[in-house]
Amino acid sequence: MTRQEIKVSTARIGVIIGKSGSTKREIEEKTGITLRIDSEEGMVAIEAEDPVAVMTATNVVSAINRGFSPERAFQLLEDEDMMLDILDLADLSGTTRQLERLRGRIIGKAGTSRAQIEDMTTTEISVQGKTVAIIGLPDQVETARKAVEMLIQGVPHEHVYAFLDRKKKEAKQAMLEYYS
């Protein structure tokens, strides 16, 4: 029996459980694991015979905890190549004001920057608390992470978008070469 425990925000426990336990049930059914949730302590225990199923379910619960909707987090179940990457902004920002500035650069006005990165990399991005979480295929996640890191370093948005555009063209070219 493999068991993994993760601490989750008490504010996200309800989302992990879902209406009448629907999300919890869906995670259990799709992965073959058992979820035990302690809503007082914010602890989620994930158990199963299959260690891969435990790891997969842990990623789904972590994604929901990082601000993704269950529907977006379930992408991790639909394709075994999908991955979750989490960047911690805590070390990069000494003050709450600096953290808010970083988050603002990543999200952009009315969410435009985040949406642009998601669109150009075919990833899902969630900015919550002191973290930025990315769901996607490995190459896409790497490109999205690099774009977020560029924004954190203060690179102007238009340069980041130009980088993403170049990466998108390179990926398209690689795909054409692969099939020709």
N, C-alpha and C. Protein backbone atom coordinates (compact mmCIF):
# COMPACT_ATOMS: atom_id res chain seq x y z
N MET A 1 0.85 -1.19 0.00
CA MET A 1 0.00 0.00 0.00
C MET A 1 0.89 1.24 0.00
N THR A 2 0.63 2.13 -0.95
CA THR A 2 1.35 3.40 -1.03
C THR A 2 0.46 4.49 -0.46
N ARG A 3 1.06 5.36 0.36
CA ARG A 3 0.29 6.43 1.00
C ARG A 3 1.07 7.73 0.88
N GLN A 4 0.35 8.76 0.51
CA GLN A 4 0.95 10.10 0.39
C GLN A 4 0.04 11.07 1.13
N GLU A 5 0.64 11.93 1.95
CA GLU A 5 -0.16 12.95 2.63
C GLU A 5 0.29 14.32 2.14
N ILE A 6 -0.68 15.18 1.87
CA ILE A 6 -0.33 16.54 1.51
C ILE A 6 -1.19 17.53 2.29
N LYS A 7 -0.56 18.64 2.63
CA LYS A 7 -1.24 19.71 3.35
C LYS A 7 -1.88 20.61 2.31
N VAL A 8 -3.16 20.90 2.49
CA VAL A 8 -3.86 21.79 1.57
C VAL A 8 -4.48 22.95 2.34
N SER A 9 -4.72 24.01 1.62
CA SER A 9 -5.36 25.19 2.22
C SER A 9 -6.79 24.82 2.63
N THR A 10 -7.17 25.19 3.83
CA THR A 10 -8.53 24.89 4.28
C THR A 10 -9.57 25.56 3.38
N ALA A 11 -9.16 26.66 2.72
CA ALA A 11 -10.08 27.34 1.79
C ALA A 11 -10.35 26.50 0.54
N ARG A 12 -9.47 25.55 0.22
CA ARG A 12 -9.63 24.74 -0.99
C ARG A 12 -10.19 23.34 -0.70
N ILE A 13 -10.36 23.00 0.58
CA ILE A 13 -10.89 21.67 0.94
C ILE A 13 -12.25 21.42 0.29
N GLY A 14 -13.12 22.43 0.36
CA GLY A 14 -14.46 22.30 -0.23
C GLY A 14 -14.41 22.02 -1.72
N VAL A 15 -13.43 22.61 -2.42
CA VAL A 15 -13.31 22.40 -3.86
C VAL A 15 -12.84 20.97 -4.13
N ILE A 16 -11.91 20.47 -3.30
CA ILE A 16 -11.41 19.10 -3.45
C ILE A 16 -12.54 18.10 -3.20
N ILE A 17 -13.37 18.38 -2.22
CA ILE A 17 -14.49 17.48 -1.92
C ILE A 17 -15.57 17.60 -3.00
N GLY A 18 -15.90 18.82 -3.39
CA GLY A 18 -16.93 19.04 -4.41
C GLY A 18 -18.32 18.95 -3.83
N LYS A 19 -19.31 19.32 -4.64
CA LYS A 19 -20.70 19.31 -4.21
C LYS A 19 -21.12 17.87 -3.89
N SER A 20 -21.55 17.64 -2.68
CA SER A 20 -21.96 16.31 -2.19
C SER A 20 -20.87 15.25 -2.40
N GLY A 21 -19.60 15.69 -2.39
CA GLY A 21 -18.48 14.75 -2.53
C GLY A 21 -18.17 14.33 -3.95
N SER A 22 -18.74 15.05 -4.93
CA SER A 22 -18.61 14.63 -6.34
C SER A 22 -17.16 14.68 -6.85
N THR A 23 -16.42 15.71 -6.52
CA THR A 23 -15.04 15.82 -7.01
C THR A 23 -14.16 14.74 -6.37
N LYS A 24 -14.31 14.56 -5.07
CA LYS A 24 -13.55 13.52 -4.35
C LYS A 24 -13.83 12.15 -4.99
N ARG A 25 -15.09 11.88 -5.23
CA ARG A 25 -15.50 10.60 -5.82
C ARG A 25 -14.90 10.42 -7.22
N GLU A 26 -14.93 11.50 -8.00
CA GLU A 26 -14.41 11.43 -9.36
C GLU A 26 -12.90 11.16 -9.36
N ILE A 27 -12.16 11.81 -8.46
CA ILE A 27 -10.72 11.56 -8.35
C ILE A 27 -10.49 10.09 -7.99
N GLU A 28 -11.25 9.60 -7.01
CA GLU A 28 -11.10 8.21 -6.58
C GLU A 28 -11.40 7.24 -7.71
N GLU A 29 -12.50 7.48 -8.43
CA GLU A 29 -12.89 6.58 -9.52
C GLU A 29 -11.91 6.59 -10.68
N LYS A 30 -11.44 7.78 -11.06
CA LYS A 30 -10.54 7.88 -12.22
C LYS A 30 -9.13 7.37 -11.94
N THR A 31 -8.72 7.34 -10.67
CA THR A 31 -7.36 6.93 -10.35
C THR A 31 -7.28 5.61 -9.58
N GLY A 32 -8.40 5.17 -9.02
CA GLY A 32 -8.39 3.93 -8.23
C GLY A 32 -7.74 4.10 -6.87
N ILE A 33 -7.77 5.31 -6.34
CA ILE A 33 -7.17 5.57 -5.03
C ILE A 33 -8.27 5.85 -4.01
N THR A 34 -7.87 5.95 -2.74
CA THR A 34 -8.79 6.35 -1.68
C THR A 34 -8.30 7.67 -1.11
N LEU A 35 -9.20 8.65 -1.02
CA LEU A 35 -8.88 9.95 -0.43
C LEU A 35 -9.47 10.03 0.97
N ARG A 36 -8.63 10.39 1.91
CA ARG A 36 -9.11 10.66 3.27
C ARG A 36 -8.79 12.13 3.56
N ILE A 37 -9.85 12.89 3.82
CA ILE A 37 -9.68 14.34 3.98
C ILE A 37 -10.01 14.77 5.40
N ASP A 38 -9.04 15.42 6.03
CA ASP A 38 -9.24 15.99 7.36
C ASP A 38 -9.41 17.49 7.17
N SER A 39 -10.69 17.94 7.12
CA SER A 39 -10.94 19.35 6.81
C SER A 39 -10.52 20.29 7.93
N GLU A 40 -10.42 19.80 9.14
CA GLU A 40 -9.98 20.66 10.25
C GLU A 40 -8.50 21.00 10.12
N GLU A 41 -7.69 19.98 9.85
CA GLU A 41 -6.23 20.14 9.76
C GLU A 41 -5.77 20.53 8.36
N GLY A 42 -6.61 20.31 7.36
CA GLY A 42 -6.22 20.59 5.98
C GLY A 42 -5.27 19.53 5.43
N MET A 43 -5.43 18.30 5.91
CA MET A 43 -4.58 17.21 5.43
C MET A 43 -5.38 16.29 4.52
N VAL A 44 -4.76 15.88 3.41
CA VAL A 44 -5.38 14.93 2.50
C VAL A 44 -4.44 13.74 2.39
N ALA A 45 -4.96 12.55 2.71
CA ALA A 45 -4.19 11.32 2.58
C ALA A 45 -4.67 10.59 1.34
N ILE A 46 -3.72 10.16 0.52
CA ILE A 46 -4.02 9.47 -0.73
C ILE A 46 -3.41 8.08 -0.63
N GLU A 47 -4.26 7.04 -0.79
CA GLU A 47 -3.79 5.67 -0.63
C GLU A 47 -4.22 4.81 -1.80
N ALA A 48 -3.34 3.87 -2.18
CA ALA A 48 -3.65 2.89 -3.21
C ALA A 48 -2.53 1.87 -3.28
N GLU A 49 -2.81 0.76 -3.94
CA GLU A 49 -1.78 -0.24 -4.19
C GLU A 49 -0.79 0.26 -5.23
N ASP A 50 -1.30 1.00 -6.23
CA ASP A 50 -0.50 1.46 -7.36
C ASP A 50 0.17 2.80 -7.05
N PRO A 51 1.52 2.82 -6.91
CA PRO A 51 2.20 4.08 -6.59
C PRO A 51 2.03 5.16 -7.66
N VAL A 52 1.89 4.77 -8.94
CA VAL A 52 1.69 5.75 -10.01
C VAL A 52 0.34 6.45 -9.84
N ALA A 53 -0.69 5.68 -9.46
CA ALA A 53 -2.02 6.25 -9.23
C ALA A 53 -1.97 7.24 -8.07
N VAL A 54 -1.21 6.91 -7.02
CA VAL A 54 -1.07 7.82 -5.88
C VAL A 54 -0.38 9.11 -6.31
N MET A 55 0.66 8.99 -7.13
CA MET A 55 1.38 10.18 -7.61
C MET A 55 0.47 11.04 -8.49
N THR A 56 -0.29 10.40 -9.36
CA THR A 56 -1.19 11.12 -10.25
C THR A 56 -2.27 11.85 -9.45
N ALA A 57 -2.89 11.15 -8.51
CA ALA A 57 -3.93 11.76 -7.68
C ALA A 57 -3.35 12.89 -6.84
N THR A 58 -2.12 12.72 -6.36
CA THR A 58 -1.46 13.78 -5.58
C THR A 58 -1.30 15.04 -6.44
N ASN A 59 -0.93 14.87 -7.70
CA ASN A 59 -0.81 16.01 -8.61
C ASN A 59 -2.15 16.71 -8.82
N VAL A 60 -3.22 15.92 -8.97
CA VAL A 60 -4.56 16.50 -9.17
C VAL A 60 -4.96 17.30 -7.94
N VAL A 61 -4.78 16.72 -6.74
CA VAL A 61 -5.14 17.41 -5.50
C VAL A 61 -4.28 18.67 -5.35
N SER A 62 -2.99 18.57 -5.66
CA SER A 62 -2.09 19.74 -5.58
C SER A 62 -2.55 20.84 -6.54
N ALA A 63 -2.95 20.44 -7.75
CA ALA A 63 -3.41 21.42 -8.74
C ALA A 63 -4.65 22.15 -8.25
N ILE A 64 -5.60 21.40 -7.70
CA ILE A 64 -6.81 22.03 -7.16
C ILE A 64 -6.43 22.95 -6.00
N ASN A 65 -5.52 22.51 -5.16
CA ASN A 65 -5.06 23.32 -4.04
C ASN A 65 -4.37 24.60 -4.51
N ARG A 66 -3.75 24.58 -5.67
CA ARG A 66 -3.03 25.73 -6.22
C ARG A 66 -3.95 26.64 -7.01
N GLY A 67 -5.28 26.39 -6.97
CA GLY A 67 -6.22 27.33 -7.57
C GLY A 67 -6.89 26.87 -8.86
N PHE A 68 -6.50 25.71 -9.40
CA PHE A 68 -7.16 25.22 -10.60
C PHE A 68 -8.54 24.69 -10.26
N SER A 69 -9.48 24.82 -11.18
CA SER A 69 -10.78 24.20 -11.00
C SER A 69 -10.56 22.69 -11.16
N PRO A 70 -11.45 21.87 -10.59
CA PRO A 70 -11.30 20.42 -10.76
C PRO A 70 -11.25 20.03 -12.25
N GLU A 71 -12.05 20.68 -13.08
CA GLU A 71 -12.08 20.36 -14.51
C GLU A 71 -10.71 20.57 -15.15
N ARG A 72 -10.07 21.68 -14.81
CA ARG A 72 -8.74 21.95 -15.37
C ARG A 72 -7.70 20.99 -14.78
N ALA A 73 -7.82 20.67 -13.50
CA ALA A 73 -6.88 19.75 -12.85
C ALA A 73 -7.01 18.34 -13.43
N PHE A 74 -8.22 17.95 -13.85
CA PHE A 74 -8.45 16.60 -14.39
C PHE A 74 -7.71 16.37 -15.70
N GLN A 75 -7.20 17.43 -16.33
CA GLN A 75 -6.37 17.24 -17.53
C GLN A 75 -5.17 16.36 -17.22
N LEU A 76 -4.72 16.40 -15.96
CA LEU A 76 -3.59 15.56 -15.54
C LEU A 76 -3.93 14.08 -15.61
N LEU A 77 -5.23 13.76 -15.60
CA LEU A 77 -5.68 12.37 -15.66
C LEU A 77 -5.92 11.92 -17.10
N GLU A 78 -6.23 12.88 -17.97
CA GLU A 78 -6.62 12.55 -19.34
C GLU A 78 -5.44 12.18 -20.23
N ASP A 79 -4.25 12.63 -19.88
CA ASP A 79 -3.07 12.34 -20.69
C ASP A 79 -1.91 12.11 -19.73
N GLU A 80 -1.32 10.93 -19.79
CA GLU A 80 -0.26 10.59 -18.84
C GLU A 80 1.00 11.45 -19.02
N ASP A 81 1.12 12.14 -20.15
CA ASP A 81 2.28 13.01 -20.37
C ASP A 81 2.09 14.40 -19.74
N MET A 82 0.85 14.73 -19.38
CA MET A 82 0.59 16.04 -18.75
C MET A 82 1.30 16.11 -17.40
N MET A 83 1.77 17.31 -17.09
CA MET A 83 2.47 17.48 -15.81
C MET A 83 2.05 18.77 -15.13
N LEU A 84 2.33 18.81 -13.83
CA LEU A 84 2.07 19.99 -13.01
C LEU A 84 3.41 20.54 -12.56
N ASP A 85 3.63 21.82 -12.77
CA ASP A 85 4.86 22.47 -12.33
C ASP A 85 4.46 23.65 -11.45
N ILE A 86 5.14 23.80 -10.32
CA ILE A 86 4.79 24.88 -9.40
C ILE A 86 6.03 25.73 -9.14
N LEU A 87 5.90 27.03 -9.41
CA LEU A 87 6.97 27.99 -9.12
C LEU A 87 6.61 28.68 -7.81
N ASP A 88 7.57 28.76 -6.92
CA ASP A 88 7.36 29.42 -5.63
C ASP A 88 7.90 30.85 -5.70
N LEU A 89 7.02 31.81 -5.49
CA LEU A 89 7.41 33.22 -5.57
C LEU A 89 7.89 33.76 -4.23
N ALA A 90 7.74 32.97 -3.15
CA ALA A 90 8.06 33.45 -1.80
C ALA A 90 9.50 33.93 -1.68
N ASP A 91 10.44 33.20 -2.27
CA ASP A 91 11.85 33.57 -2.15
C ASP A 91 12.21 34.80 -2.99
N LEU A 92 11.39 35.07 -4.00
CA LEU A 92 11.69 36.16 -4.93
C LEU A 92 11.14 37.50 -4.48
N SER A 93 10.27 37.47 -3.49
CA SER A 93 9.64 38.71 -3.04
C SER A 93 9.77 38.84 -1.53
N GLY A 94 10.49 39.86 -1.12
CA GLY A 94 10.71 40.07 0.31
C GLY A 94 9.49 40.60 1.02
N THR A 95 8.70 41.41 0.32
CA THR A 95 7.54 42.03 0.97
C THR A 95 6.25 41.64 0.25
N THR A 96 5.16 41.86 0.91
CA THR A 96 3.84 41.60 0.32
C THR A 96 3.65 42.47 -0.92
N ARG A 97 4.14 43.68 -0.85
CA ARG A 97 4.02 44.62 -1.97
C ARG A 97 4.77 44.08 -3.20
N GLN A 98 5.99 43.55 -2.99
CA GLN A 98 6.76 42.97 -4.10
C GLN A 98 6.04 41.75 -4.68
N LEU A 99 5.46 40.94 -3.79
CA LEU A 99 4.73 39.75 -4.24
C LEU A 99 3.54 40.15 -5.11
N GLU A 100 2.81 41.16 -4.67
CA GLU A 100 1.65 41.64 -5.43
C GLU A 100 2.08 42.17 -6.80
N ARG A 101 3.22 42.86 -6.85
CA ARG A 101 3.74 43.39 -8.11
C ARG A 101 4.08 42.24 -9.07
N LEU A 102 4.75 41.21 -8.55
CA LEU A 102 5.10 40.04 -9.38
C LEU A 102 3.85 39.35 -9.90
N ARG A 103 2.90 39.14 -8.99
CA ARG A 103 1.64 38.50 -9.39
C ARG A 103 0.94 39.33 -10.46
N GLY A 104 0.94 40.64 -10.29
CA GLY A 104 0.32 41.54 -11.25
C GLY A 104 0.97 41.47 -12.62
N ARG A 105 2.30 41.37 -12.66
CA ARG A 105 3.02 41.25 -13.94
C ARG A 105 2.66 39.94 -14.64
N ILE A 106 2.54 38.86 -13.87
CA ILE A 106 2.24 37.55 -14.45
C ILE A 106 0.78 37.50 -14.95
N ILE A 107 -0.12 38.02 -14.14
CA ILE A 107 -1.55 37.98 -14.50
C ILE A 107 -1.86 39.00 -15.59
N GLY A 108 -1.32 40.21 -15.45
CA GLY A 108 -1.59 41.26 -16.43
C GLY A 108 -2.93 41.91 -16.18
N LYS A 109 -3.17 42.99 -16.90
CA LYS A 109 -4.42 43.74 -16.75
C LYS A 109 -5.59 42.86 -17.19
N ALA A 110 -6.54 42.64 -16.28
CA ALA A 110 -7.73 41.81 -16.53
C ALA A 110 -7.36 40.38 -16.99
N GLY A 111 -6.18 39.91 -16.55
CA GLY A 111 -5.79 38.53 -16.87
C GLY A 111 -5.20 38.33 -18.25
N THR A 112 -4.91 39.44 -18.95
CA THR A 112 -4.46 39.32 -20.35
C THR A 112 -3.10 38.64 -20.49
N SER A 113 -2.17 38.94 -19.61
CA SER A 113 -0.83 38.35 -19.73
C SER A 113 -0.88 36.84 -19.50
N ARG A 114 -1.55 36.43 -18.44
CA ARG A 114 -1.70 35.00 -18.16
C ARG A 114 -2.39 34.29 -19.32
N ALA A 115 -3.45 34.89 -19.83
CA ALA A 115 -4.20 34.30 -20.94
C ALA A 115 -3.33 34.18 -22.19
N GLN A 116 -2.50 35.19 -22.44
CA GLN A 116 -1.61 35.18 -23.61
C GLN A 116 -0.59 34.04 -23.49
N ILE A 117 0.00 33.87 -22.30
CA ILE A 117 0.97 32.79 -22.09
C ILE A 117 0.27 31.43 -22.25
N GLU A 118 -0.92 31.30 -21.66
CA GLU A 118 -1.69 30.05 -21.78
C GLU A 118 -1.96 29.74 -23.25
N ASP A 119 -2.40 30.74 -23.99
CA ASP A 119 -2.77 30.56 -25.39
C ASP A 119 -1.55 30.18 -26.25
N MET A 120 -0.44 30.85 -26.02
CA MET A 120 0.73 30.63 -26.87
C MET A 120 1.50 29.35 -26.52
N THR A 121 1.24 28.80 -25.32
CA THR A 121 1.95 27.58 -24.92
C THR A 121 1.02 26.38 -24.77
N THR A 122 -0.28 26.58 -24.95
CA THR A 122 -1.29 25.54 -24.75
C THR A 122 -1.17 24.93 -23.36
N THR A 123 -1.06 25.79 -22.36
CA THR A 123 -0.99 25.35 -20.96
C THR A 123 -2.14 25.99 -20.18
N GLU A 124 -2.27 25.57 -18.94
CA GLU A 124 -3.19 26.20 -17.99
C GLU A 124 -2.32 26.79 -16.89
N ILE A 125 -2.60 28.02 -16.49
CA ILE A 125 -1.80 28.68 -15.46
C ILE A 125 -2.70 29.21 -14.36
N SER A 126 -2.27 28.97 -13.11
CA SER A 126 -2.99 29.50 -11.97
C SER A 126 -2.02 30.26 -11.08
N VAL A 127 -2.35 31.50 -10.76
CA VAL A 127 -1.52 32.31 -9.87
C VAL A 127 -2.32 32.46 -8.59
N GLN A 128 -1.81 31.83 -7.53
CA GLN A 128 -2.53 31.89 -6.25
C GLN A 128 -1.54 31.96 -5.11
N GLY A 129 -1.82 32.85 -4.16
CA GLY A 129 -0.93 32.98 -3.01
C GLY A 129 0.47 33.32 -3.46
N LYS A 130 1.43 32.51 -3.04
CA LYS A 130 2.84 32.75 -3.37
C LYS A 130 3.33 31.80 -4.45
N THR A 131 2.41 31.24 -5.23
CA THR A 131 2.84 30.28 -6.25
C THR A 131 2.21 30.56 -7.62
N VAL A 132 2.90 30.05 -8.63
CA VAL A 132 2.37 30.02 -10.00
C VAL A 132 2.41 28.55 -10.39
N ALA A 133 1.25 27.99 -10.74
CA ALA A 133 1.18 26.58 -11.13
C ALA A 133 0.85 26.49 -12.61
N ILE A 134 1.49 25.52 -13.27
CA ILE A 134 1.33 25.36 -14.72
C ILE A 134 1.00 23.89 -15.01
N ILE A 135 -0.04 23.67 -15.81
CA ILE A 135 -0.39 22.32 -16.27
C ILE A 135 -0.23 22.28 -17.78
N GLY A 136 0.46 21.25 -18.27
CA GLY A 136 0.63 21.09 -19.71
C GLY A 136 1.58 19.95 -20.03
N LEU A 137 1.91 19.82 -21.29
CA LEU A 137 2.90 18.84 -21.71
C LEU A 137 4.29 19.39 -21.37
N PRO A 138 5.29 18.52 -21.15
CA PRO A 138 6.60 18.98 -20.67
C PRO A 138 7.22 20.15 -21.44
N ASP A 139 7.26 20.09 -22.77
CA ASP A 139 7.86 21.19 -23.54
C ASP A 139 7.08 22.48 -23.37
N GLN A 140 5.75 22.36 -23.35
CA GLN A 140 4.90 23.54 -23.19
C GLN A 140 5.08 24.16 -21.81
N VAL A 141 5.15 23.30 -20.79
CA VAL A 141 5.32 23.78 -19.42
C VAL A 141 6.67 24.49 -19.29
N GLU A 142 7.70 23.93 -19.90
CA GLU A 142 9.04 24.54 -19.85
C GLU A 142 9.02 25.93 -20.47
N THR A 143 8.35 26.08 -21.61
CA THR A 143 8.26 27.38 -22.28
C THR A 143 7.44 28.36 -21.44
N ALA A 144 6.31 27.91 -20.90
CA ALA A 144 5.47 28.79 -20.06
C ALA A 144 6.24 29.22 -18.81
N ARG A 145 6.97 28.27 -18.21
CA ARG A 145 7.75 28.59 -17.01
C ARG A 145 8.80 29.65 -17.34
N LYS A 146 9.48 29.49 -18.47
CA LYS A 146 10.50 30.45 -18.89
C LYS A 146 9.87 31.84 -19.08
N ALA A 147 8.68 31.88 -19.68
CA ALA A 147 7.98 33.16 -19.89
C ALA A 147 7.65 33.81 -18.54
N VAL A 148 7.16 33.02 -17.60
CA VAL A 148 6.83 33.54 -16.27
C VAL A 148 8.10 34.05 -15.58
N GLU A 149 9.19 33.28 -15.69
CA GLU A 149 10.45 33.69 -15.08
C GLU A 149 10.95 35.00 -15.70
N MET A 150 10.77 35.16 -17.02
CA MET A 150 11.17 36.40 -17.68
C MET A 150 10.37 37.59 -17.12
N LEU A 151 9.06 37.39 -16.92
CA LEU A 151 8.23 38.46 -16.35
C LEU A 151 8.68 38.80 -14.94
N ILE A 152 9.02 37.77 -14.16
CA ILE A 152 9.48 37.98 -12.78
C ILE A 152 10.78 38.79 -12.77
N GLN A 153 11.64 38.53 -13.76
CA GLN A 153 12.93 39.25 -13.85
C GLN A 153 12.77 40.67 -14.38
N GLY A 154 11.55 41.03 -14.77
CA GLY A 154 11.30 42.39 -15.22
C GLY A 154 11.40 42.60 -16.72
N VAL A 155 11.52 41.52 -17.49
CA VAL A 155 11.57 41.64 -18.94
C VAL A 155 10.22 42.22 -19.41
N PRO A 156 10.24 43.20 -20.30
CA PRO A 156 8.98 43.79 -20.79
C PRO A 156 8.07 42.73 -21.43
N HIS A 157 6.78 42.91 -21.25
CA HIS A 157 5.80 41.94 -21.76
C HIS A 157 5.96 41.67 -23.24
N GLU A 158 6.20 42.73 -24.04
CA GLU A 158 6.30 42.51 -25.49
C GLU A 158 7.47 41.61 -25.85
N HIS A 159 8.57 41.67 -25.08
CA HIS A 159 9.72 40.78 -25.33
C HIS A 159 9.35 39.33 -24.98
N VAL A 160 8.59 39.18 -23.90
CA VAL A 160 8.15 37.84 -23.49
C VAL A 160 7.24 37.24 -24.56
N TYR A 161 6.33 38.07 -25.09
CA TYR A 161 5.42 37.58 -26.14
C TYR A 161 6.19 37.23 -27.42
N ALA A 162 7.23 38.02 -27.72
CA ALA A 162 8.06 37.73 -28.90
C ALA A 162 8.79 36.39 -28.70
N PHE A 163 9.28 36.14 -27.47
CA PHE A 163 9.92 34.87 -27.14
C PHE A 163 8.93 33.71 -27.34
N LEU A 164 7.70 33.90 -26.83
CA LEU A 164 6.68 32.86 -26.96
C LEU A 164 6.32 32.61 -28.42
N ASP A 165 6.24 33.68 -29.20
CA ASP A 165 5.93 33.56 -30.62
C ASP A 165 7.03 32.77 -31.34
N ARG A 166 8.28 33.07 -31.00
CA ARG A 166 9.42 32.36 -31.60
C ARG A 166 9.37 30.87 -31.23
N LYS A 167 9.10 30.58 -29.96
CA LYS A 167 9.02 29.19 -29.48
C LYS A 167 7.88 28.44 -30.19
N LYS A 168 6.76 29.13 -30.39
CA LYS A 168 5.61 28.51 -31.06
C LYS A 168 5.97 28.17 -32.51
N LYS A 169 6.66 29.09 -33.18
CA LYS A 169 7.08 28.85 -34.56
C LYS A 169 8.09 27.71 -34.64
N GLU A 170 9.02 27.66 -33.67
CA GLU A 170 10.01 26.57 -33.63
C GLU A 170 9.32 25.23 -33.45
N ALA A 171 8.33 25.18 -32.56
CA ALA A 171 7.60 23.93 -32.31
C ALA A 171 6.84 23.50 -33.57
N LYS A 172 6.24 24.46 -34.27
CA LYS A 172 5.51 24.17 -35.50
C LYS A 172 6.47 23.64 -36.58
N GLN A 173 7.63 24.27 -36.68
CA GLN A 173 8.64 23.86 -37.65
C GLN A 173 9.13 22.44 -37.34
N ALA A 174 9.36 22.16 -36.08
CA ALA A 174 9.83 20.83 -35.66
C ALA A 174 8.77 19.78 -36.00
N MET A 175 7.51 20.13 -35.82
CA MET A 175 6.41 19.23 -36.13
C MET A 175 6.36 18.95 -37.64
N LEU A 176 6.51 20.00 -38.44
CA LEU A 176 6.51 19.83 -39.91
C LEU A 176 7.68 18.97 -40.37
N GLU A 177 8.85 19.18 -39.78
CA GLU A 177 10.02 18.38 -40.14
C GLU A 177 9.82 16.91 -39.75
N TYR A 178 9.20 16.72 -38.60
CA TYR A 178 8.96 15.36 -38.10
C TYR A 178 8.07 14.57 -39.06
N TYR A 179 7.07 15.23 -39.58
CA TYR A 179 6.10 14.53 -40.45
C TYR A 179 6.46 14.58 -41.94
N SER A 180 7.56 15.26 -42.31
CA SER A 180 7.90 15.32 -43.74
C SER A 180 9.04 14.37 -44.08
